[in-house]
Amino acid sequence: MSFEYVIIVVSVALLIGLSKGGFGAVLAVLCAPLLSQVMPVSQAISLALPLLIIGDVFALRVYWNMWDNHYIKLLLPAAIVGILIGTYMLANLPDDILRRLLGIFTLMFVIYKLFGNRLLSANYKPRNWHGVFVGGIAGIGSAVANVGGPPFTAYMLLQPIAPQMFVGTMTLFFALVNVIKLPFLLAAGLYNFSDLLTVLWVIPVIPFGVWLGRYVITRIDQAAFERLMLAALTIVAVFLIVVPPT
């Protein structure tokens, strides 16, 4: 286990904690690209998952029972189909293709964060099939790159739902998606016990990150911080797309 590996894994656990402590998905999206610098993309996605599930536990405590079951029931079945498709891609595509897909998904997240507010002014009429479609896309994105948030968030922004209920529904949806992904990844042979041991030792960093996130979030300019993180995401995404694996 190299020093670079240790630094990156600790950083990923801290980023997950910070994201659950109030900084949101911008930090969590960095996790897979960071891990992919020291391991294949399929392994990076798989090993980030147990850490994300631990983070979900903390997020669910905050938003417990603050969700709308209608949207969970509408989107989750299609998300399961998307997870199946995404897991097949993750297990069978070459690493250079997966790196580019990870970079593309990351860039899509950046574009969404930059222009997503325009959705609020859209003249939109909800249809159930929209939710089914979005659930499928979110499942694929989550399985391939742990980036299922943009399509889900874009859809939910157009629904008549209170902000706190919005966040609670998103929290429960992705907590369920992450748990559902686990047996699919196990069945695809993307886990082994020795691999898990290389990341599980950083679990205590996650609650520290949650605490740190709650402490720092009220003491910094979050808009400026988010712009900095989006710039970092863009650089990492371009690197993944352009630079071949070593």
C-alpha atoms as a PDB file:
ATOM      1  CA  MET A   1       0.000   0.000   0.000  1.00  0.00           C
ATOM      2  CA  SER A   2       1.810   3.107  -1.254  1.00  0.00           C
ATOM      3  CA  PHE A   3       1.809   6.526   0.392  1.00  0.00           C
ATOM      4  CA  GLU A   4      -0.102   7.921  -2.625  1.00  0.00           C
ATOM      5  CA  TYR A   5      -2.754   5.224  -2.185  1.00  0.00           C
ATOM      6  CA  VAL A   6      -3.180   6.007   1.518  1.00  0.00           C
ATOM      7  CA  ILE A   7      -3.496   9.760   0.881  1.00  0.00           C
ATOM      8  CA  ILE A   8      -6.098   9.270  -1.857  1.00  0.00           C
ATOM      9  CA  VAL A   9      -8.211   6.783   0.136  1.00  0.00           C
ATOM     10  CA  VAL A  10      -8.182   9.029   3.221  1.00  0.00           C
ATOM     11  CA  SER A  11      -9.088  12.011   1.023  1.00  0.00           C
ATOM     12  CA  VAL A  12     -12.009  10.094  -0.496  1.00  0.00           C
ATOM     13  CA  ALA A  13     -13.378   9.141   2.938  1.00  0.00           C
ATOM     14  CA  LEU A  14     -13.039  12.756   4.079  1.00  0.00           C
ATOM     15  CA  LEU A  15     -14.791  14.033   0.934  1.00  0.00           C
ATOM     16  CA  ILE A  16     -17.689  11.634   1.494  1.00  0.00           C
ATOM     17  CA  GLY A  17     -18.017  12.817   5.087  1.00  0.00           C
ATOM     18  CA  LEU A  18     -17.861  16.473   4.073  1.00  0.00           C
ATOM     19  CA  SER A  19     -20.493  15.914   1.373  1.00  0.00           C
ATOM     20  CA  LYS A  20     -22.867  14.337   3.906  1.00  0.00           C
ATOM     21  CA  GLY A  21     -22.036  17.092   6.395  1.00  0.00           C
ATOM     22  CA  GLY A  22     -23.476  19.799   4.176  1.00  0.00           C
ATOM     23  CA  PHE A  23     -21.290  20.332   1.119  1.00  0.00           C
ATOM     24  CA  GLY A  24     -23.419  18.168  -1.157  1.00  0.00           C
ATOM     25  CA  ALA A  25     -22.716  16.041  -4.204  1.00  0.00           C
ATOM     26  CA  VAL A  26     -19.900  18.158  -5.675  1.00  0.00           C
ATOM     27  CA  LEU A  27     -17.418  16.584  -3.272  1.00  0.00           C
ATOM     28  CA  ALA A  28     -18.813  13.058  -3.547  1.00  0.00           C
ATOM     29  CA  VAL A  29     -18.445  13.135  -7.342  1.00  0.00           C
ATOM     30  CA  LEU A  30     -14.675  13.598  -6.925  1.00  0.00           C
ATOM     31  CA  CYS A  31     -14.309  10.245  -5.163  1.00  0.00           C
ATOM     32  CA  ALA A  32     -14.315   7.833  -8.112  1.00  0.00           C
ATOM     33  CA  PRO A  33     -12.031  10.006 -10.299  1.00  0.00           C
ATOM     34  CA  LEU A  34      -9.562  10.271  -7.411  1.00  0.00           C
ATOM     35  CA  LEU A  35      -9.569   6.534  -6.714  1.00  0.00           C
ATOM     36  CA  SER A  36      -9.156   5.813 -10.425  1.00  0.00           C
ATOM     37  CA  GLN A  37      -5.696   7.370 -10.242  1.00  0.00           C
ATOM     38  CA  VAL A  38      -4.423   4.434  -8.156  1.00  0.00           C
ATOM     39  CA  MET A  39      -6.646   1.562  -9.351  1.00  0.00           C
ATOM     40  CA  PRO A  40      -8.806   0.508 -12.338  1.00  0.00           C
ATOM     41  CA  VAL A  41     -12.099   2.382 -12.714  1.00  0.00           C
ATOM     42  CA  SER A  42     -14.245  -0.686 -12.008  1.00  0.00           C
ATOM     43  CA  GLN A  43     -12.368  -1.233  -8.740  1.00  0.00           C
ATOM     44  CA  ALA A  44     -12.591   2.472  -7.870  1.00  0.00           C
ATOM     45  CA  ILE A  45     -16.381   2.507  -8.318  1.00  0.00           C
ATOM     46  CA  SER A  46     -16.773  -0.700  -6.320  1.00  0.00           C
ATOM     47  CA  LEU A  47     -14.547   0.304  -3.408  1.00  0.00           C
ATOM     48  CA  ALA A  48     -16.118   3.751  -3.104  1.00  0.00           C
ATOM     49  CA  LEU A  49     -19.527   2.128  -2.600  1.00  0.00           C
ATOM     50  CA  PRO A  50     -19.176   0.853   1.009  1.00  0.00           C
ATOM     51  CA  LEU A  51     -17.825   4.252   2.020  1.00  0.00           C
ATOM     52  CA  LEU A  52     -20.798   5.965   0.358  1.00  0.00           C
ATOM     53  CA  ILE A  53     -23.196   3.624   2.166  1.00  0.00           C
ATOM     54  CA  ILE A  54     -21.626   4.551   5.511  1.00  0.00           C
ATOM     55  CA  GLY A  55     -22.084   8.214   4.562  1.00  0.00           C
ATOM     56  CA  ASP A  56     -25.720   7.539   3.650  1.00  0.00           C
ATOM     57  CA  VAL A  57     -26.366   6.286   7.189  1.00  0.00           C
ATOM     58  CA  PHE A  58     -25.412   9.701   8.578  1.00  0.00           C
ATOM     59  CA  ALA A  59     -27.467  11.537   5.956  1.00  0.00           C
ATOM     60  CA  LEU A  60     -30.554   9.398   6.631  1.00  0.00           C
ATOM     61  CA  ARG A  61     -30.361  10.219  10.331  1.00  0.00           C
ATOM     62  CA  VAL A  62     -30.664  13.902   9.458  1.00  0.00           C
ATOM     63  CA  TYR A  63     -33.538  13.500   6.961  1.00  0.00           C
ATOM     64  CA  TRP A  64     -35.324  10.520   8.502  1.00  0.00           C
ATOM     65  CA  ASN A  65     -38.936  10.224   7.306  1.00  0.00           C
ATOM     66  CA  MET A  66     -38.636  13.489   5.324  1.00  0.00           C
ATOM     67  CA  TRP A  67     -39.267  11.918   1.922  1.00  0.00           C
ATOM     68  CA  ASP A  68     -42.080  11.459  -0.576  1.00  0.00           C
ATOM     69  CA  ASN A  69     -42.733   7.758  -1.173  1.00  0.00           C
ATOM     70  CA  HIS A  70     -44.491   8.509  -4.473  1.00  0.00           C
ATOM     71  CA  TYR A  71     -41.215   9.445  -6.158  1.00  0.00           C
ATOM     72  CA  ILE A  72     -39.318   6.549  -4.581  1.00  0.00           C
ATOM     73  CA  LYS A  73     -41.896   4.054  -5.912  1.00  0.00           C
ATOM     74  CA  LEU A  74     -41.899   5.737  -9.336  1.00  0.00           C
ATOM     75  CA  LEU A  75     -38.140   5.960  -9.901  1.00  0.00           C
ATOM     76  CA  LEU A  76     -36.629   3.034  -7.999  1.00  0.00           C
ATOM     77  CA  PRO A  77     -37.830   0.083 -10.170  1.00  0.00           C
ATOM     78  CA  ALA A  78     -36.352   1.678 -13.300  1.00  0.00           C
ATOM     79  CA  ALA A  79     -33.201   2.544 -11.340  1.00  0.00           C
ATOM     80  CA  ILE A  80     -32.744  -1.162 -10.559  1.00  0.00           C
ATOM     81  CA  VAL A  81     -32.855  -1.934 -14.295  1.00  0.00           C
ATOM     82  CA  GLY A  82     -30.350   0.887 -14.858  1.00  0.00           C
ATOM     83  CA  ILE A  83     -28.076  -0.541 -12.157  1.00  0.00           C
ATOM     84  CA  LEU A  84     -28.135  -3.923 -13.909  1.00  0.00           C
ATOM     85  CA  ILE A  85     -27.160  -2.310 -17.235  1.00  0.00           C
ATOM     86  CA  GLY A  86     -24.506  -0.118 -15.620  1.00  0.00           C
ATOM     87  CA  THR A  87     -22.989  -3.027 -13.692  1.00  0.00           C
ATOM     88  CA  TYR A  88     -22.706  -5.049 -16.903  1.00  0.00           C
ATOM     89  CA  MET A  89     -20.874  -2.128 -18.524  1.00  0.00           C
ATOM     90  CA  LEU A  90     -18.607  -1.741 -15.493  1.00  0.00           C
ATOM     91  CA  ALA A  91     -17.692  -5.432 -15.471  1.00  0.00           C
ATOM     92  CA  ASN A  92     -17.127  -5.830 -19.216  1.00  0.00           C
ATOM     93  CA  LEU A  93     -15.847  -2.589 -20.745  1.00  0.00           C
ATOM     94  CA  PRO A  94     -12.067  -1.983 -20.974  1.00  0.00           C
ATOM     95  CA  ASP A  95     -10.568   0.361 -18.389  1.00  0.00           C
ATOM     96  CA  ASP A  96      -9.693   3.057 -20.942  1.00  0.00           C
ATOM     97  CA  ILE A  97     -13.344   3.200 -22.053  1.00  0.00           C
ATOM     98  CA  LEU A  98     -14.535   3.301 -18.439  1.00  0.00           C
ATOM     99  CA  ARG A  99     -12.123   6.150 -17.682  1.00  0.00           C
ATOM    100  CA  ARG A 100     -13.574   8.169 -20.553  1.00  0.00           C
ATOM    101  CA  LEU A 101     -17.131   7.368 -19.476  1.00  0.00           C
ATOM    102  CA  LEU A 102     -16.271   8.439 -15.929  1.00  0.00           C
ATOM    103  CA  GLY A 103     -14.837  11.686 -17.294  1.00  0.00           C
ATOM    104  CA  ILE A 104     -17.920  12.289 -19.461  1.00  0.00           C
ATOM    105  CA  PHE A 105     -20.320  11.630 -16.570  1.00  0.00           C
ATOM    106  CA  THR A 106     -18.274  13.986 -14.387  1.00  0.00           C
ATOM    107  CA  LEU A 107     -18.394  16.728 -17.040  1.00  0.00           C
ATOM    108  CA  MET A 108     -22.156  16.237 -17.338  1.00  0.00           C
ATOM    109  CA  PHE A 109     -22.411  16.817 -13.593  1.00  0.00           C
ATOM    110  CA  VAL A 110     -20.413  20.066 -13.910  1.00  0.00           C
ATOM    111  CA  ILE A 111     -22.628  21.269 -16.777  1.00  0.00           C
ATOM    112  CA  TYR A 112     -25.731  20.451 -14.766  1.00  0.00           C
ATOM    113  CA  LYS A 113     -24.436  22.377 -11.727  1.00  0.00           C
ATOM    114  CA  LEU A 114     -23.643  25.390 -13.910  1.00  0.00           C
ATOM    115  CA  PHE A 115     -26.936  25.527 -15.801  1.00  0.00           C
ATOM    116  CA  GLY A 116     -29.404  23.513 -13.694  1.00  0.00           C
ATOM    117  CA  ASN A 117     -31.073  26.586 -12.197  1.00  0.00           C
ATOM    118  CA  ARG A 118     -32.598  27.340 -15.599  1.00  0.00           C
ATOM    119  CA  LEU A 119     -34.814  24.287 -15.112  1.00  0.00           C
ATOM    120  CA  LEU A 120     -36.772  26.187 -12.502  1.00  0.00           C
ATOM    121  CA  SER A 121     -38.142  28.531 -15.174  1.00  0.00           C
ATOM    122  CA  ALA A 122     -39.129  25.728 -17.557  1.00  0.00           C
ATOM    123  CA  ASN A 123     -42.762  25.314 -18.577  1.00  0.00           C
ATOM    124  CA  TYR A 124     -43.114  21.688 -17.545  1.00  0.00           C
ATOM    125  CA  LYS A 125     -45.999  19.265 -16.995  1.00  0.00           C
ATOM    126  CA  PRO A 126     -45.114  16.158 -14.943  1.00  0.00           C
ATOM    127  CA  ARG A 127     -45.616  12.738 -16.536  1.00  0.00           C
ATOM    128  CA  ASN A 128     -45.005   9.407 -14.817  1.00  0.00           C
ATOM    129  CA  TRP A 129     -42.937   8.085 -17.718  1.00  0.00           C
ATOM    130  CA  HIS A 130     -40.497  10.964 -17.203  1.00  0.00           C
ATOM    131  CA  GLY A 131     -39.802   9.590 -13.723  1.00  0.00           C
ATOM    132  CA  VAL A 132     -39.334   6.056 -15.046  1.00  0.00           C
ATOM    133  CA  PHE A 133     -36.863   7.299 -17.674  1.00  0.00           C
ATOM    134  CA  VAL A 134     -34.939   9.402 -15.151  1.00  0.00           C
ATOM    135  CA  GLY A 135     -34.804   6.492 -12.702  1.00  0.00           C
ATOM    136  CA  GLY A 136     -33.200   4.300 -15.359  1.00  0.00           C
ATOM    137  CA  ILE A 137     -30.624   6.931 -16.324  1.00  0.00           C
ATOM    138  CA  ALA A 138     -29.815   7.617 -12.664  1.00  0.00           C
ATOM    139  CA  GLY A 139     -29.298   3.885 -12.093  1.00  0.00           C
ATOM    140  CA  ILE A 140     -26.895   3.589 -15.030  1.00  0.00           C
ATOM    141  CA  GLY A 141     -24.970   6.713 -14.009  1.00  0.00           C
ATOM    142  CA  SER A 142     -24.729   5.561 -10.415  1.00  0.00           C
ATOM    143  CA  ALA A 143     -23.496   2.081 -11.355  1.00  0.00           C
ATOM    144  CA  VAL A 144     -20.941   3.228 -13.940  1.00  0.00           C
ATOM    145  CA  ALA A 145     -19.571   6.303 -12.174  1.00  0.00           C
ATOM    146  CA  ASN A 146     -21.401   6.927  -8.867  1.00  0.00           C
ATOM    147  CA  VAL A 147     -22.902   9.950 -10.651  1.00  0.00           C
ATOM    148  CA  GLY A 148     -26.657   9.413 -10.666  1.00  0.00           C
ATOM    149  CA  GLY A 149     -27.481  12.739  -9.058  1.00  0.00           C
ATOM    150  CA  PRO A 150     -27.828  15.154 -12.021  1.00  0.00           C
ATOM    151  CA  PRO A 151     -30.751  13.439 -13.837  1.00  0.00           C
ATOM    152  CA  PHE A 152     -32.542  12.760 -10.541  1.00  0.00           C
ATOM    153  CA  THR A 153     -32.051  16.325  -9.306  1.00  0.00           C
ATOM    154  CA  ALA A 154     -33.057  17.840 -12.648  1.00  0.00           C
ATOM    155  CA  TYR A 155     -36.297  15.843 -12.580  1.00  0.00           C
ATOM    156  CA  MET A 156     -37.087  16.619  -8.941  1.00  0.00           C
ATOM    157  CA  LEU A 157     -36.502  20.352  -9.410  1.00  0.00           C
ATOM    158  CA  LEU A 158     -39.473  20.329 -11.774  1.00  0.00           C
ATOM    159  CA  GLN A 159     -41.813  18.621  -9.303  1.00  0.00           C
ATOM    160  CA  PRO A 160     -44.155  20.348  -6.813  1.00  0.00           C
ATOM    161  CA  ILE A 161     -42.198  19.324  -3.714  1.00  0.00           C
ATOM    162  CA  ALA A 162     -40.969  21.268  -0.674  1.00  0.00           C
ATOM    163  CA  PRO A 163     -37.174  21.791  -0.410  1.00  0.00           C
ATOM    164  CA  GLN A 164     -36.715  19.683   2.739  1.00  0.00           C
ATOM    165  CA  MET A 165     -38.831  16.885   1.243  1.00  0.00           C
ATOM    166  CA  PHE A 166     -36.765  17.182  -1.948  1.00  0.00           C
ATOM    167  CA  VAL A 167     -33.484  16.615  -0.079  1.00  0.00           C
ATOM    168  CA  GLY A 168     -34.975  13.824   2.035  1.00  0.00           C
ATOM    169  CA  THR A 169     -36.331  12.021  -1.035  1.00  0.00           C
ATOM    170  CA  MET A 170     -32.974  12.305  -2.795  1.00  0.00           C
ATOM    171  CA  THR A 171     -31.173  11.032   0.309  1.00  0.00           C
ATOM    172  CA  LEU A 172     -33.395   7.955   0.625  1.00  0.00           C
ATOM    173  CA  PHE A 173     -33.361   7.242  -3.117  1.00  0.00           C
ATOM    174  CA  PHE A 174     -29.573   7.131  -3.383  1.00  0.00           C
ATOM    175  CA  ALA A 175     -29.185   5.292  -0.084  1.00  0.00           C
ATOM    176  CA  LEU A 176     -31.426   2.569  -1.549  1.00  0.00           C
ATOM    177  CA  VAL A 177     -29.629   2.681  -4.904  1.00  0.00           C
ATOM    178  CA  ASN A 178     -26.251   2.250  -3.203  1.00  0.00           C
ATOM    179  CA  VAL A 179     -27.451  -0.719  -1.131  1.00  0.00           C
ATOM    180  CA  ILE A 180     -29.049  -2.332  -4.205  1.00  0.00           C
ATOM    181  CA  LYS A 181     -25.818  -1.897  -6.199  1.00  0.00           C
ATOM    182  CA  LEU A 182     -23.836  -3.969  -3.700  1.00  0.00           C
ATOM    183  CA  PRO A 183     -25.166  -7.473  -4.593  1.00  0.00           C
ATOM    184  CA  PHE A 184     -24.972  -6.648  -8.315  1.00  0.00           C
ATOM    185  CA  LEU A 185     -21.297  -5.724  -7.975  1.00  0.00           C
ATOM    186  CA  LEU A 186     -20.650  -8.840  -5.878  1.00  0.00           C
ATOM    187  CA  ALA A 187     -22.344 -11.039  -8.490  1.00  0.00           C
ATOM    188  CA  ALA A 188     -20.265  -9.403 -11.232  1.00  0.00           C
ATOM    189  CA  GLY A 189     -17.073 -10.362  -9.395  1.00  0.00           C
ATOM    190  CA  LEU A 190     -16.027  -6.758  -8.783  1.00  0.00           C
ATOM    191  CA  TYR A 191     -15.329  -7.336  -5.081  1.00  0.00           C
ATOM    192  CA  ASN A 192     -12.948  -9.493  -3.147  1.00  0.00           C
ATOM    193  CA  PHE A 193     -12.204  -9.511   0.569  1.00  0.00           C
ATOM    194  CA  SER A 194      -8.625  -8.243   0.256  1.00  0.00           C
ATOM    195  CA  ASP A 195      -9.772  -5.261  -1.841  1.00  0.00           C
ATOM    196  CA  LEU A 196     -12.345  -4.290   0.787  1.00  0.00           C
ATOM    197  CA  LEU A 197      -9.716  -4.365   3.528  1.00  0.00           C
ATOM    198  CA  THR A 198      -7.730  -1.736   1.623  1.00  0.00           C
ATOM    199  CA  VAL A 199     -10.490   0.860   2.174  1.00  0.00           C
ATOM    200  CA  LEU A 200     -12.529  -0.202   5.210  1.00  0.00           C
ATOM    201  CA  TRP A 201      -9.839   1.004   7.607  1.00  0.00           C
ATOM    202  CA  VAL A 202     -10.725   4.616   6.693  1.00  0.00           C
ATOM    203  CA  ILE A 203     -14.366   4.331   7.833  1.00  0.00           C
ATOM    204  CA  PRO A 204     -13.674   6.393  11.022  1.00  0.00           C
ATOM    205  CA  VAL A 205     -12.663   9.302   8.781  1.00  0.00           C
ATOM    206  CA  ILE A 206     -16.243   9.576   7.452  1.00  0.00           C
ATOM    207  CA  PRO A 207     -17.971  10.669  10.710  1.00  0.00           C
ATOM    208  CA  PHE A 208     -15.081  13.064  11.292  1.00  0.00           C
ATOM    209  CA  GLY A 209     -15.745  14.496   7.813  1.00  0.00           C
ATOM    210  CA  VAL A 210     -19.454  14.848   8.619  1.00  0.00           C
ATOM    211  CA  TRP A 211     -18.609  16.752  11.804  1.00  0.00           C
ATOM    212  CA  LEU A 212     -16.046  18.891   9.975  1.00  0.00           C
ATOM    213  CA  GLY A 213     -18.527  19.627   7.192  1.00  0.00           C
ATOM    214  CA  ARG A 214     -21.166  20.831   9.633  1.00  0.00           C
ATOM    215  CA  TYR A 215     -18.567  22.971  11.401  1.00  0.00           C
ATOM    216  CA  VAL A 216     -17.033  24.517   8.273  1.00  0.00           C
ATOM    217  CA  ILE A 217     -20.198  24.991   6.182  1.00  0.00           C
ATOM    218  CA  THR A 218     -21.303  28.024   8.210  1.00  0.00           C
ATOM    219  CA  ARG A 219     -17.843  29.602   8.183  1.00  0.00           C
ATOM    220  CA  ILE A 220     -16.930  29.770   4.496  1.00  0.00           C
ATOM    221  CA  ASP A 221     -18.327  31.247   1.305  1.00  0.00           C
ATOM    222  CA  GLN A 222     -20.030  28.125  -0.037  1.00  0.00           C
ATOM    223  CA  ALA A 223     -20.610  29.602  -3.508  1.00  0.00           C
ATOM    224  CA  ALA A 224     -16.893  30.336  -3.947  1.00  0.00           C
ATOM    225  CA  PHE A 225     -15.999  26.904  -2.578  1.00  0.00           C
ATOM    226  CA  GLU A 226     -18.405  25.213  -4.999  1.00  0.00           C
ATOM    227  CA  ARG A 227     -16.906  27.108  -7.950  1.00  0.00           C
ATOM    228  CA  LEU A 228     -13.450  25.916  -6.887  1.00  0.00           C
ATOM    229  CA  MET A 229     -14.667  22.319  -6.669  1.00  0.00           C
ATOM    230  CA  LEU A 230     -16.360  22.540 -10.080  1.00  0.00           C
ATOM    231  CA  ALA A 231     -13.077  23.767 -11.554  1.00  0.00           C
ATOM    232  CA  ALA A 232     -11.297  20.805  -9.945  1.00  0.00           C
ATOM    233  CA  LEU A 233     -13.941  18.416 -11.284  1.00  0.00           C
ATOM    234  CA  THR A 234     -13.518  19.830 -14.789  1.00  0.00           C
ATOM    235  CA  ILE A 235      -9.745  19.335 -14.679  1.00  0.00           C
ATOM    236  CA  VAL A 236     -10.111  15.772 -13.392  1.00  0.00           C
ATOM    237  CA  ALA A 237     -12.784  14.964 -16.003  1.00  0.00           C
ATOM    238  CA  VAL A 238     -10.654  16.246 -18.890  1.00  0.00           C
ATOM    239  CA  PHE A 239      -7.679  14.294 -17.509  1.00  0.00           C
ATOM    240  CA  LEU A 240      -9.736  11.087 -17.450  1.00  0.00           C
ATOM    241  CA  ILE A 241     -10.958  11.621 -21.008  1.00  0.00           C
ATOM    242  CA  VAL A 242      -7.626  12.646 -22.556  1.00  0.00           C
ATOM    243  CA  VAL A 243      -4.873  10.846 -20.615  1.00  0.00           C
ATOM    244  CA  PRO A 244      -4.740   7.052 -21.097  1.00  0.00           C
ATOM    245  CA  PRO A 245      -4.304   4.761 -18.070  1.00  0.00           C
ATOM    246  CA  THR A 246      -0.717   3.990 -17.124  1.00  0.00           C
END
